[in-house]
């Protein structure tokens, strides 16, 4: 399935916002997001947590979008396991 230019722009801006730890960039993306993109937003929320970007994770949670609605128990378990493994690596 070919990605529409608007969806590609959203992905690019989300990637850059997370890479640069930019809440301003994230704000701009969230202003333009539509309902079809909510699954993407949930995935990027998980990425911000996994990348240790608490500022962005907080911004996702405070946004008007319910990012937690798109997260599954397995996703949370995976984040916990990764975090625990990093902290207890020998």
N, C-alpha and C. Protein backbone atom coordinates (compact mmCIF):
# COMPACT_ATOMS: atom_id res chain seq x y z
N UNK A 1 0.85 -1.17 0.00
CA UNK A 1 0.00 0.00 0.00
C UNK A 1 0.90 1.24 0.00
N UNK A 2 0.63 2.14 -0.90
CA UNK A 2 1.44 3.35 -1.03
C UNK A 2 1.01 4.40 0.01
N UNK A 3 1.98 5.00 0.66
CA UNK A 3 1.69 5.98 1.68
C UNK A 3 1.39 7.33 1.04
N UNK A 4 0.34 7.96 1.53
CA UNK A 4 -0.04 9.28 1.02
C UNK A 4 0.99 10.30 1.49
N UNK A 5 1.20 11.37 0.71
CA UNK A 5 2.19 12.38 1.10
C UNK A 5 1.95 12.96 2.49
N UNK A 6 0.70 13.16 2.86
CA UNK A 6 0.40 13.73 4.18
C UNK A 6 0.81 12.76 5.29
N UNK A 7 0.59 11.48 5.09
CA UNK A 7 0.99 10.48 6.08
C UNK A 7 2.51 10.41 6.18
N UNK A 8 3.19 10.51 5.06
CA UNK A 8 4.65 10.48 5.06
C UNK A 8 5.20 11.70 5.80
N UNK A 9 4.58 12.84 5.59
CA UNK A 9 4.99 14.07 6.28
C UNK A 9 4.82 13.89 7.79
N UNK A 10 3.70 13.31 8.21
CA UNK A 10 3.43 13.07 9.62
C UNK A 10 4.51 12.18 10.22
N UNK A 11 4.83 11.07 9.54
CA UNK A 11 5.85 10.16 10.05
C UNK A 11 7.21 10.84 10.14
N UNK A 12 7.56 11.61 9.13
CA UNK A 12 8.84 12.30 9.13
C UNK A 12 8.93 13.29 10.28
N UNK A 13 7.89 14.08 10.47
CA UNK A 13 7.89 15.07 11.55
C UNK A 13 7.90 14.41 12.92
N UNK A 14 7.18 13.31 13.08
CA UNK A 14 7.20 12.59 14.35
C UNK A 14 8.59 12.01 14.63
N UNK A 15 9.21 11.42 13.61
CA UNK A 15 10.56 10.88 13.77
C UNK A 15 11.55 11.97 14.17
N UNK A 16 11.48 13.10 13.50
CA UNK A 16 12.40 14.20 13.81
C UNK A 16 12.14 14.76 15.21
N UNK A 17 10.89 14.89 15.58
CA UNK A 17 10.55 15.41 16.91
C UNK A 17 11.13 14.53 18.00
N UNK A 18 11.03 13.23 17.82
CA UNK A 18 11.56 12.31 18.82
C UNK A 18 13.09 12.31 18.79
N UNK A 19 13.66 12.27 17.61
CA UNK A 19 15.12 12.26 17.49
C UNK A 19 15.74 13.50 18.13
N UNK A 20 15.11 14.66 17.91
CA UNK A 20 15.64 15.92 18.42
C UNK A 20 15.07 16.30 19.78
N UNK A 21 14.21 15.44 20.34
CA UNK A 21 13.58 15.71 21.63
C UNK A 21 12.87 17.07 21.62
N UNK A 22 12.10 17.30 20.56
CA UNK A 22 11.48 18.60 20.32
C UNK A 22 9.97 18.59 20.62
N UNK A 23 9.60 19.19 21.73
CA UNK A 23 8.17 19.28 22.05
C UNK A 23 7.47 20.27 21.12
N UNK A 24 8.20 21.27 20.62
CA UNK A 24 7.61 22.22 19.68
C UNK A 24 7.25 21.52 18.36
N UNK A 25 8.14 20.68 17.88
CA UNK A 25 7.86 19.92 16.67
C UNK A 25 6.70 18.96 16.88
N UNK A 26 6.67 18.34 18.04
CA UNK A 26 5.58 17.42 18.36
C UNK A 26 4.25 18.16 18.43
N UNK A 27 4.26 19.34 19.01
CA UNK A 27 3.05 20.16 19.09
C UNK A 27 2.51 20.45 17.70
N UNK A 28 3.39 20.81 16.79
CA UNK A 28 2.98 21.13 15.43
C UNK A 28 2.35 19.90 14.76
N UNK A 29 2.95 18.74 14.96
CA UNK A 29 2.41 17.52 14.38
C UNK A 29 1.04 17.21 14.95
N UNK A 30 0.89 17.31 16.26
CA UNK A 30 -0.38 16.97 16.89
C UNK A 30 -1.50 17.93 16.50
N UNK A 31 -1.16 19.14 16.12
CA UNK A 31 -2.18 20.07 15.66
C UNK A 31 -2.77 19.63 14.33
N UNK A 32 -1.98 18.92 13.53
CA UNK A 32 -2.41 18.52 12.19
C UNK A 32 -2.87 17.07 12.08
N UNK A 33 -2.82 16.32 13.17
CA UNK A 33 -3.14 14.89 13.11
C UNK A 33 -4.65 14.68 12.98
N UNK A 34 -5.01 13.62 12.28
CA UNK A 34 -6.42 13.26 12.17
C UNK A 34 -6.66 11.91 12.84
N UNK A 35 -7.89 11.50 12.91
CA UNK A 35 -8.26 10.27 13.61
C UNK A 35 -7.59 9.03 13.01
N UNK A 36 -7.38 9.04 11.71
CA UNK A 36 -6.75 7.89 11.05
C UNK A 36 -5.31 7.69 11.49
N UNK A 37 -4.69 8.71 12.01
CA UNK A 37 -3.27 8.65 12.39
C UNK A 37 -3.07 8.30 13.86
N UNK A 38 -4.13 8.04 14.58
CA UNK A 38 -4.01 7.81 16.02
C UNK A 38 -3.16 6.59 16.35
N UNK A 39 -3.23 5.53 15.55
CA UNK A 39 -2.40 4.35 15.81
C UNK A 39 -0.93 4.73 15.72
N UNK A 40 -0.60 5.55 14.74
CA UNK A 40 0.78 6.03 14.60
C UNK A 40 1.22 6.80 15.84
N UNK A 41 0.33 7.65 16.34
CA UNK A 41 0.64 8.45 17.52
C UNK A 41 0.94 7.55 18.71
N UNK A 42 0.14 6.51 18.89
CA UNK A 42 0.38 5.56 19.98
C UNK A 42 1.73 4.90 19.87
N UNK A 43 2.12 4.53 18.65
CA UNK A 43 3.43 3.91 18.44
C UNK A 43 4.56 4.88 18.75
N UNK A 44 4.39 6.13 18.39
CA UNK A 44 5.44 7.12 18.66
C UNK A 44 5.51 7.45 20.15
N UNK A 45 4.41 7.37 20.84
CA UNK A 45 4.42 7.54 22.29
C UNK A 45 5.30 6.44 22.90
N UNK A 46 5.11 5.20 22.46
CA UNK A 46 5.92 4.10 22.95
C UNK A 46 7.40 4.30 22.61
N UNK A 47 7.66 4.80 21.42
CA UNK A 47 9.03 5.08 21.02
C UNK A 47 9.67 6.13 21.91
N UNK A 48 8.91 7.17 22.26
CA UNK A 48 9.46 8.21 23.12
C UNK A 48 9.79 7.67 24.51
N UNK A 49 8.99 6.74 25.00
CA UNK A 49 9.29 6.12 26.30
C UNK A 49 10.52 5.22 26.17
N UNK A 50 10.53 4.39 25.13
CA UNK A 50 11.66 3.48 24.93
C UNK A 50 12.96 4.19 24.66
N UNK A 51 12.89 5.41 24.13
CA UNK A 51 14.09 6.19 23.83
C UNK A 51 14.48 7.11 24.97
N UNK A 52 13.81 6.95 26.10
CA UNK A 52 14.09 7.76 27.29
C UNK A 52 13.95 9.25 26.98
N UNK A 53 12.79 9.62 26.44
CA UNK A 53 12.46 11.01 26.13
C UNK A 53 11.25 11.42 26.98
N UNK A 54 11.46 11.61 28.29
CA UNK A 54 10.32 11.87 29.18
C UNK A 54 9.56 13.15 28.84
N UNK A 55 10.24 14.15 28.32
CA UNK A 55 9.56 15.39 27.95
C UNK A 55 8.51 15.13 26.87
N UNK A 56 8.88 14.33 25.89
CA UNK A 56 7.93 14.03 24.81
C UNK A 56 6.83 13.08 25.28
N UNK A 57 7.19 12.10 26.10
CA UNK A 57 6.17 11.19 26.64
C UNK A 57 5.13 11.98 27.43
N UNK A 58 5.60 12.92 28.23
CA UNK A 58 4.70 13.77 29.00
C UNK A 58 3.81 14.60 28.07
N UNK A 59 4.41 15.13 27.02
CA UNK A 59 3.63 15.94 26.07
C UNK A 59 2.55 15.11 25.40
N UNK A 60 2.89 13.88 25.01
CA UNK A 60 1.87 12.99 24.43
C UNK A 60 0.72 12.78 25.42
N UNK A 61 1.05 12.54 26.68
CA UNK A 61 0.02 12.28 27.68
C UNK A 61 -0.86 13.50 27.94
N UNK A 62 -0.27 14.68 27.85
CA UNK A 62 -1.03 15.90 28.11
C UNK A 62 -1.79 16.41 26.89
N UNK A 63 -1.52 15.84 25.73
CA UNK A 63 -2.20 16.28 24.51
C UNK A 63 -3.68 15.89 24.57
N UNK A 64 -4.43 16.41 23.65
CA UNK A 64 -5.86 16.11 23.61
C UNK A 64 -6.16 14.72 23.08
N UNK A 65 -5.13 14.01 22.65
CA UNK A 65 -5.31 12.67 22.09
C UNK A 65 -5.06 11.62 23.16
N UNK A 66 -5.90 10.61 23.18
CA UNK A 66 -5.79 9.55 24.17
C UNK A 66 -4.80 8.50 23.66
N UNK A 67 -3.52 8.77 23.83
CA UNK A 67 -2.50 7.85 23.33
C UNK A 67 -2.55 6.50 24.04
N UNK A 68 -3.01 6.49 25.26
CA UNK A 68 -3.09 5.23 26.01
C UNK A 68 -4.12 4.28 25.42
N UNK A 69 -5.09 4.81 24.69
CA UNK A 69 -6.11 3.99 24.07
C UNK A 69 -5.51 3.06 23.02
N UNK A 70 -4.42 3.48 22.42
CA UNK A 70 -3.80 2.71 21.34
C UNK A 70 -2.72 1.75 21.82
N UNK A 71 -2.47 1.73 23.11
CA UNK A 71 -1.39 0.90 23.65
C UNK A 71 -1.98 -0.39 24.21
N UNK A 72 -1.28 -1.46 23.95
CA UNK A 72 -1.73 -2.78 24.40
C UNK A 72 -0.86 -3.24 25.57
N UNK A 73 -1.39 -4.17 26.33
CA UNK A 73 -0.69 -4.69 27.50
C UNK A 73 0.68 -5.25 27.11
N UNK A 74 0.76 -5.91 25.98
CA UNK A 74 2.04 -6.47 25.54
C UNK A 74 3.09 -5.38 25.30
N UNK A 75 2.65 -4.23 24.79
CA UNK A 75 3.57 -3.12 24.56
C UNK A 75 4.15 -2.62 25.88
N UNK A 76 3.31 -2.49 26.87
CA UNK A 76 3.74 -2.02 28.18
C UNK A 76 4.68 -3.03 28.84
N UNK A 77 4.35 -4.31 28.71
CA UNK A 77 5.21 -5.36 29.26
C UNK A 77 6.58 -5.34 28.60
N UNK A 78 6.62 -5.15 27.30
CA UNK A 78 7.90 -5.10 26.57
C UNK A 78 8.75 -3.91 27.05
N UNK A 79 8.12 -2.76 27.23
CA UNK A 79 8.85 -1.58 27.74
C UNK A 79 9.42 -1.86 29.13
N UNK A 80 8.61 -2.47 29.98
CA UNK A 80 9.07 -2.78 31.33
C UNK A 80 10.25 -3.75 31.30
N UNK A 81 10.14 -4.79 30.48
CA UNK A 81 11.22 -5.77 30.40
C UNK A 81 12.51 -5.14 29.88
N UNK A 82 12.39 -4.30 28.87
CA UNK A 82 13.58 -3.63 28.33
C UNK A 82 14.22 -2.72 29.37
N UNK A 83 13.38 -1.99 30.09
CA UNK A 83 13.89 -1.10 31.13
C UNK A 83 14.58 -1.90 32.24
N UNK A 84 13.97 -2.96 32.67
CA UNK A 84 14.54 -3.78 33.73
C UNK A 84 15.86 -4.38 33.28
N UNK A 85 15.90 -4.88 32.05
CA UNK A 85 17.14 -5.48 31.52
C UNK A 85 18.27 -4.46 31.45
N UNK A 86 17.97 -3.23 31.06
CA UNK A 86 19.00 -2.19 30.98
C UNK A 86 19.54 -1.86 32.37
N UNK A 87 18.65 -1.79 33.34
CA UNK A 87 19.07 -1.43 34.69
C UNK A 87 19.86 -2.53 35.38
N UNK A 88 19.59 -3.77 35.01
CA UNK A 88 20.21 -4.90 35.70
C UNK A 88 21.21 -5.65 34.82
N UNK A 89 21.68 -5.00 33.79
CA UNK A 89 22.67 -5.64 32.91
C UNK A 89 23.98 -5.80 33.69
N UNK A 90 24.60 -6.90 33.49
CA UNK A 90 25.84 -7.18 34.22
C UNK A 90 27.03 -6.84 33.38
